Amino acid sequence: MQEPIPDQVPAIEGFATVSGARLWYWDTGGDGEPLILCHPASQSSQIWLYQQPVLARAGYRVIAYCRRGVYRSGKGPGENPGTTTGDLRNLLLDRNRRLSGATEVRHGRLNARR
């Protein structure tokens, strides 16, 4: 039996254009330490719906985005497929935010970065 999705902390949703691709993101805002949630290739940022309220209520500013061609994000130009790290860097520059902490999932492994 799957647990119901908890009530989310209000977040701003939007698009950032990076290297010709429109990337969809959500951002809870606030003054807490930013925590960037990156989804694996087989999912979208929607996998974080259970973690978002817990992390936000713990004081973090939670930001998640969808990689190119996933969920609401566009693929971008064929001649510039982009990279996960490059797109994340450009998304943060677009949002004018300093990255001080990040969490990512790659191939089922959870990594914390500082």
Protein backbone atom coordinates (compact mmCIF):
# COMPACT_ATOMS: atom_id res chain seq x y z
CA MET A 1 0.00 0.00 0.00
CA GLN A 2 1.41 3.37 -1.01
CA GLU A 3 1.38 6.20 1.50
CA PRO A 4 -0.60 9.28 0.42
CA ILE A 5 1.48 12.23 -0.75
CA PRO A 6 1.81 14.67 2.18
CA ASP A 7 0.74 18.30 1.94
CA GLN A 8 3.49 20.26 0.23
CA VAL A 9 5.12 23.43 1.52
CA PRO A 10 4.20 26.25 -0.90
CA ALA A 11 6.76 26.56 -3.68
CA ILE A 12 7.32 28.80 -6.67
CA GLU A 13 7.25 26.92 -9.96
CA GLY A 14 8.87 28.20 -13.11
CA PHE A 15 11.08 27.66 -16.11
CA ALA A 16 14.72 28.60 -16.54
CA THR A 17 16.22 28.70 -20.02
CA VAL A 18 19.69 27.19 -19.92
CA SER A 19 21.76 26.49 -23.04
CA GLY A 20 18.64 26.63 -25.20
CA ALA A 21 16.54 24.27 -23.06
CA ARG A 22 13.63 25.27 -20.82
CA LEU A 23 14.06 23.49 -17.49
CA TRP A 24 11.10 23.31 -15.11
CA TYR A 25 11.82 23.77 -11.41
CA TRP A 26 10.16 24.41 -8.07
CA ASP A 27 11.66 26.35 -5.16
CA THR A 28 10.29 26.63 -1.62
CA GLY A 29 12.22 29.86 -1.08
CA GLY A 30 13.19 31.11 2.33
CA ASP A 31 16.43 31.88 4.08
CA GLY A 32 17.46 28.31 4.89
CA GLU A 33 20.45 26.53 3.43
CA PRO A 34 19.58 25.62 -0.18
CA LEU A 35 19.19 21.93 -0.89
CA ILE A 36 19.04 20.95 -4.56
CA LEU A 37 17.23 17.70 -5.38
CA CYS A 38 18.27 16.03 -8.65
CA HIS A 39 16.27 13.07 -9.92
CA PRO A 40 17.67 9.92 -11.58
CA ALA A 41 17.33 9.45 -15.33
CA SER A 42 14.36 7.12 -14.92
CA GLN A 43 12.24 9.56 -12.88
CA SER A 44 11.31 13.26 -12.59
CA SER A 45 11.38 15.82 -9.79
CA GLN A 46 8.01 14.42 -8.71
CA ILE A 47 9.88 11.68 -6.81
CA TRP A 48 10.68 14.30 -4.15
CA LEU A 49 7.05 14.96 -3.12
CA TYR A 50 7.49 12.92 0.07
CA GLN A 51 10.77 14.63 1.04
CA GLN A 52 9.87 18.23 0.13
CA PRO A 53 7.70 19.06 3.17
CA VAL A 54 10.01 17.30 5.62
CA LEU A 55 13.13 19.07 4.35
CA ALA A 56 11.42 22.47 4.09
CA ARG A 57 10.01 22.22 7.62
CA ALA A 58 13.50 21.26 8.83
CA GLY A 59 14.61 24.72 7.67
CA TYR A 60 16.07 24.02 4.23
CA ARG A 61 15.27 25.97 1.12
CA VAL A 62 14.34 23.09 -1.19
CA ILE A 63 14.82 23.37 -4.95
CA ALA A 64 14.16 20.62 -7.48
CA TYR A 65 14.19 20.61 -11.26
CA CYS A 66 13.52 18.24 -14.12
CA ARG A 67 16.34 17.28 -16.43
CA ARG A 68 16.09 17.86 -20.18
CA GLY A 69 13.17 16.12 -21.84
CA VAL A 70 11.64 14.96 -18.54
CA TYR A 71 8.19 15.94 -17.21
CA ARG A 72 7.72 19.64 -18.05
CA SER A 73 11.28 20.37 -19.21
CA GLY A 74 12.09 20.74 -22.88
CA LYS A 75 14.79 18.77 -24.68
CA GLY A 76 16.57 21.81 -26.04
CA PRO A 77 18.40 21.98 -29.36
CA GLY A 78 19.65 18.69 -30.80
CA GLU A 79 23.13 20.09 -31.40
CA ASN A 80 23.47 20.97 -27.70
CA PRO A 81 22.24 18.07 -25.53
CA GLY A 82 23.71 19.66 -22.39
CA THR A 83 24.98 17.85 -19.31
CA THR A 84 23.38 17.29 -15.94
CA THR A 85 26.09 19.23 -14.09
CA GLY A 86 26.19 22.03 -16.67
CA ASP A 87 22.42 22.42 -16.65
CA LEU A 88 22.35 22.43 -12.84
CA ARG A 89 25.08 25.08 -12.73
CA ASN A 90 23.24 27.24 -15.26
CA LEU A 91 19.93 26.78 -13.45
CA LEU A 92 21.53 28.04 -10.23
CA LEU A 93 23.06 30.99 -12.07
CA ASP A 94 19.64 31.74 -13.57
CA ARG A 95 18.10 31.60 -10.09
CA ASN A 96 21.02 33.72 -8.79
CA ARG A 97 21.55 31.39 -5.86
CA ARG A 98 24.69 30.11 -4.20
CA LEU A 99 24.87 26.33 -3.94
CA SER A 100 25.96 25.32 -0.45
CA GLY A 101 24.44 21.86 -0.29
CA ALA A 102 23.00 19.40 -2.75
CA THR A 103 21.46 15.99 -2.80
CA GLU A 104 21.32 13.91 -5.92
CA VAL A 105 20.29 10.42 -6.87
CA ARG A 106 22.17 8.62 -9.60
CA HIS A 107 21.45 5.04 -10.52
CA GLY A 108 19.78 4.42 -7.18
CA ARG A 109 22.61 5.83 -5.06
CA LEU A 110 22.04 8.88 -2.85
CA ASN A 111 24.90 11.41 -2.65
CA ALA A 112 25.22 14.46 -0.42
CA ARG A 113 27.51 17.25 -1.61
CA ARG A 114 28.98 20.21 0.23
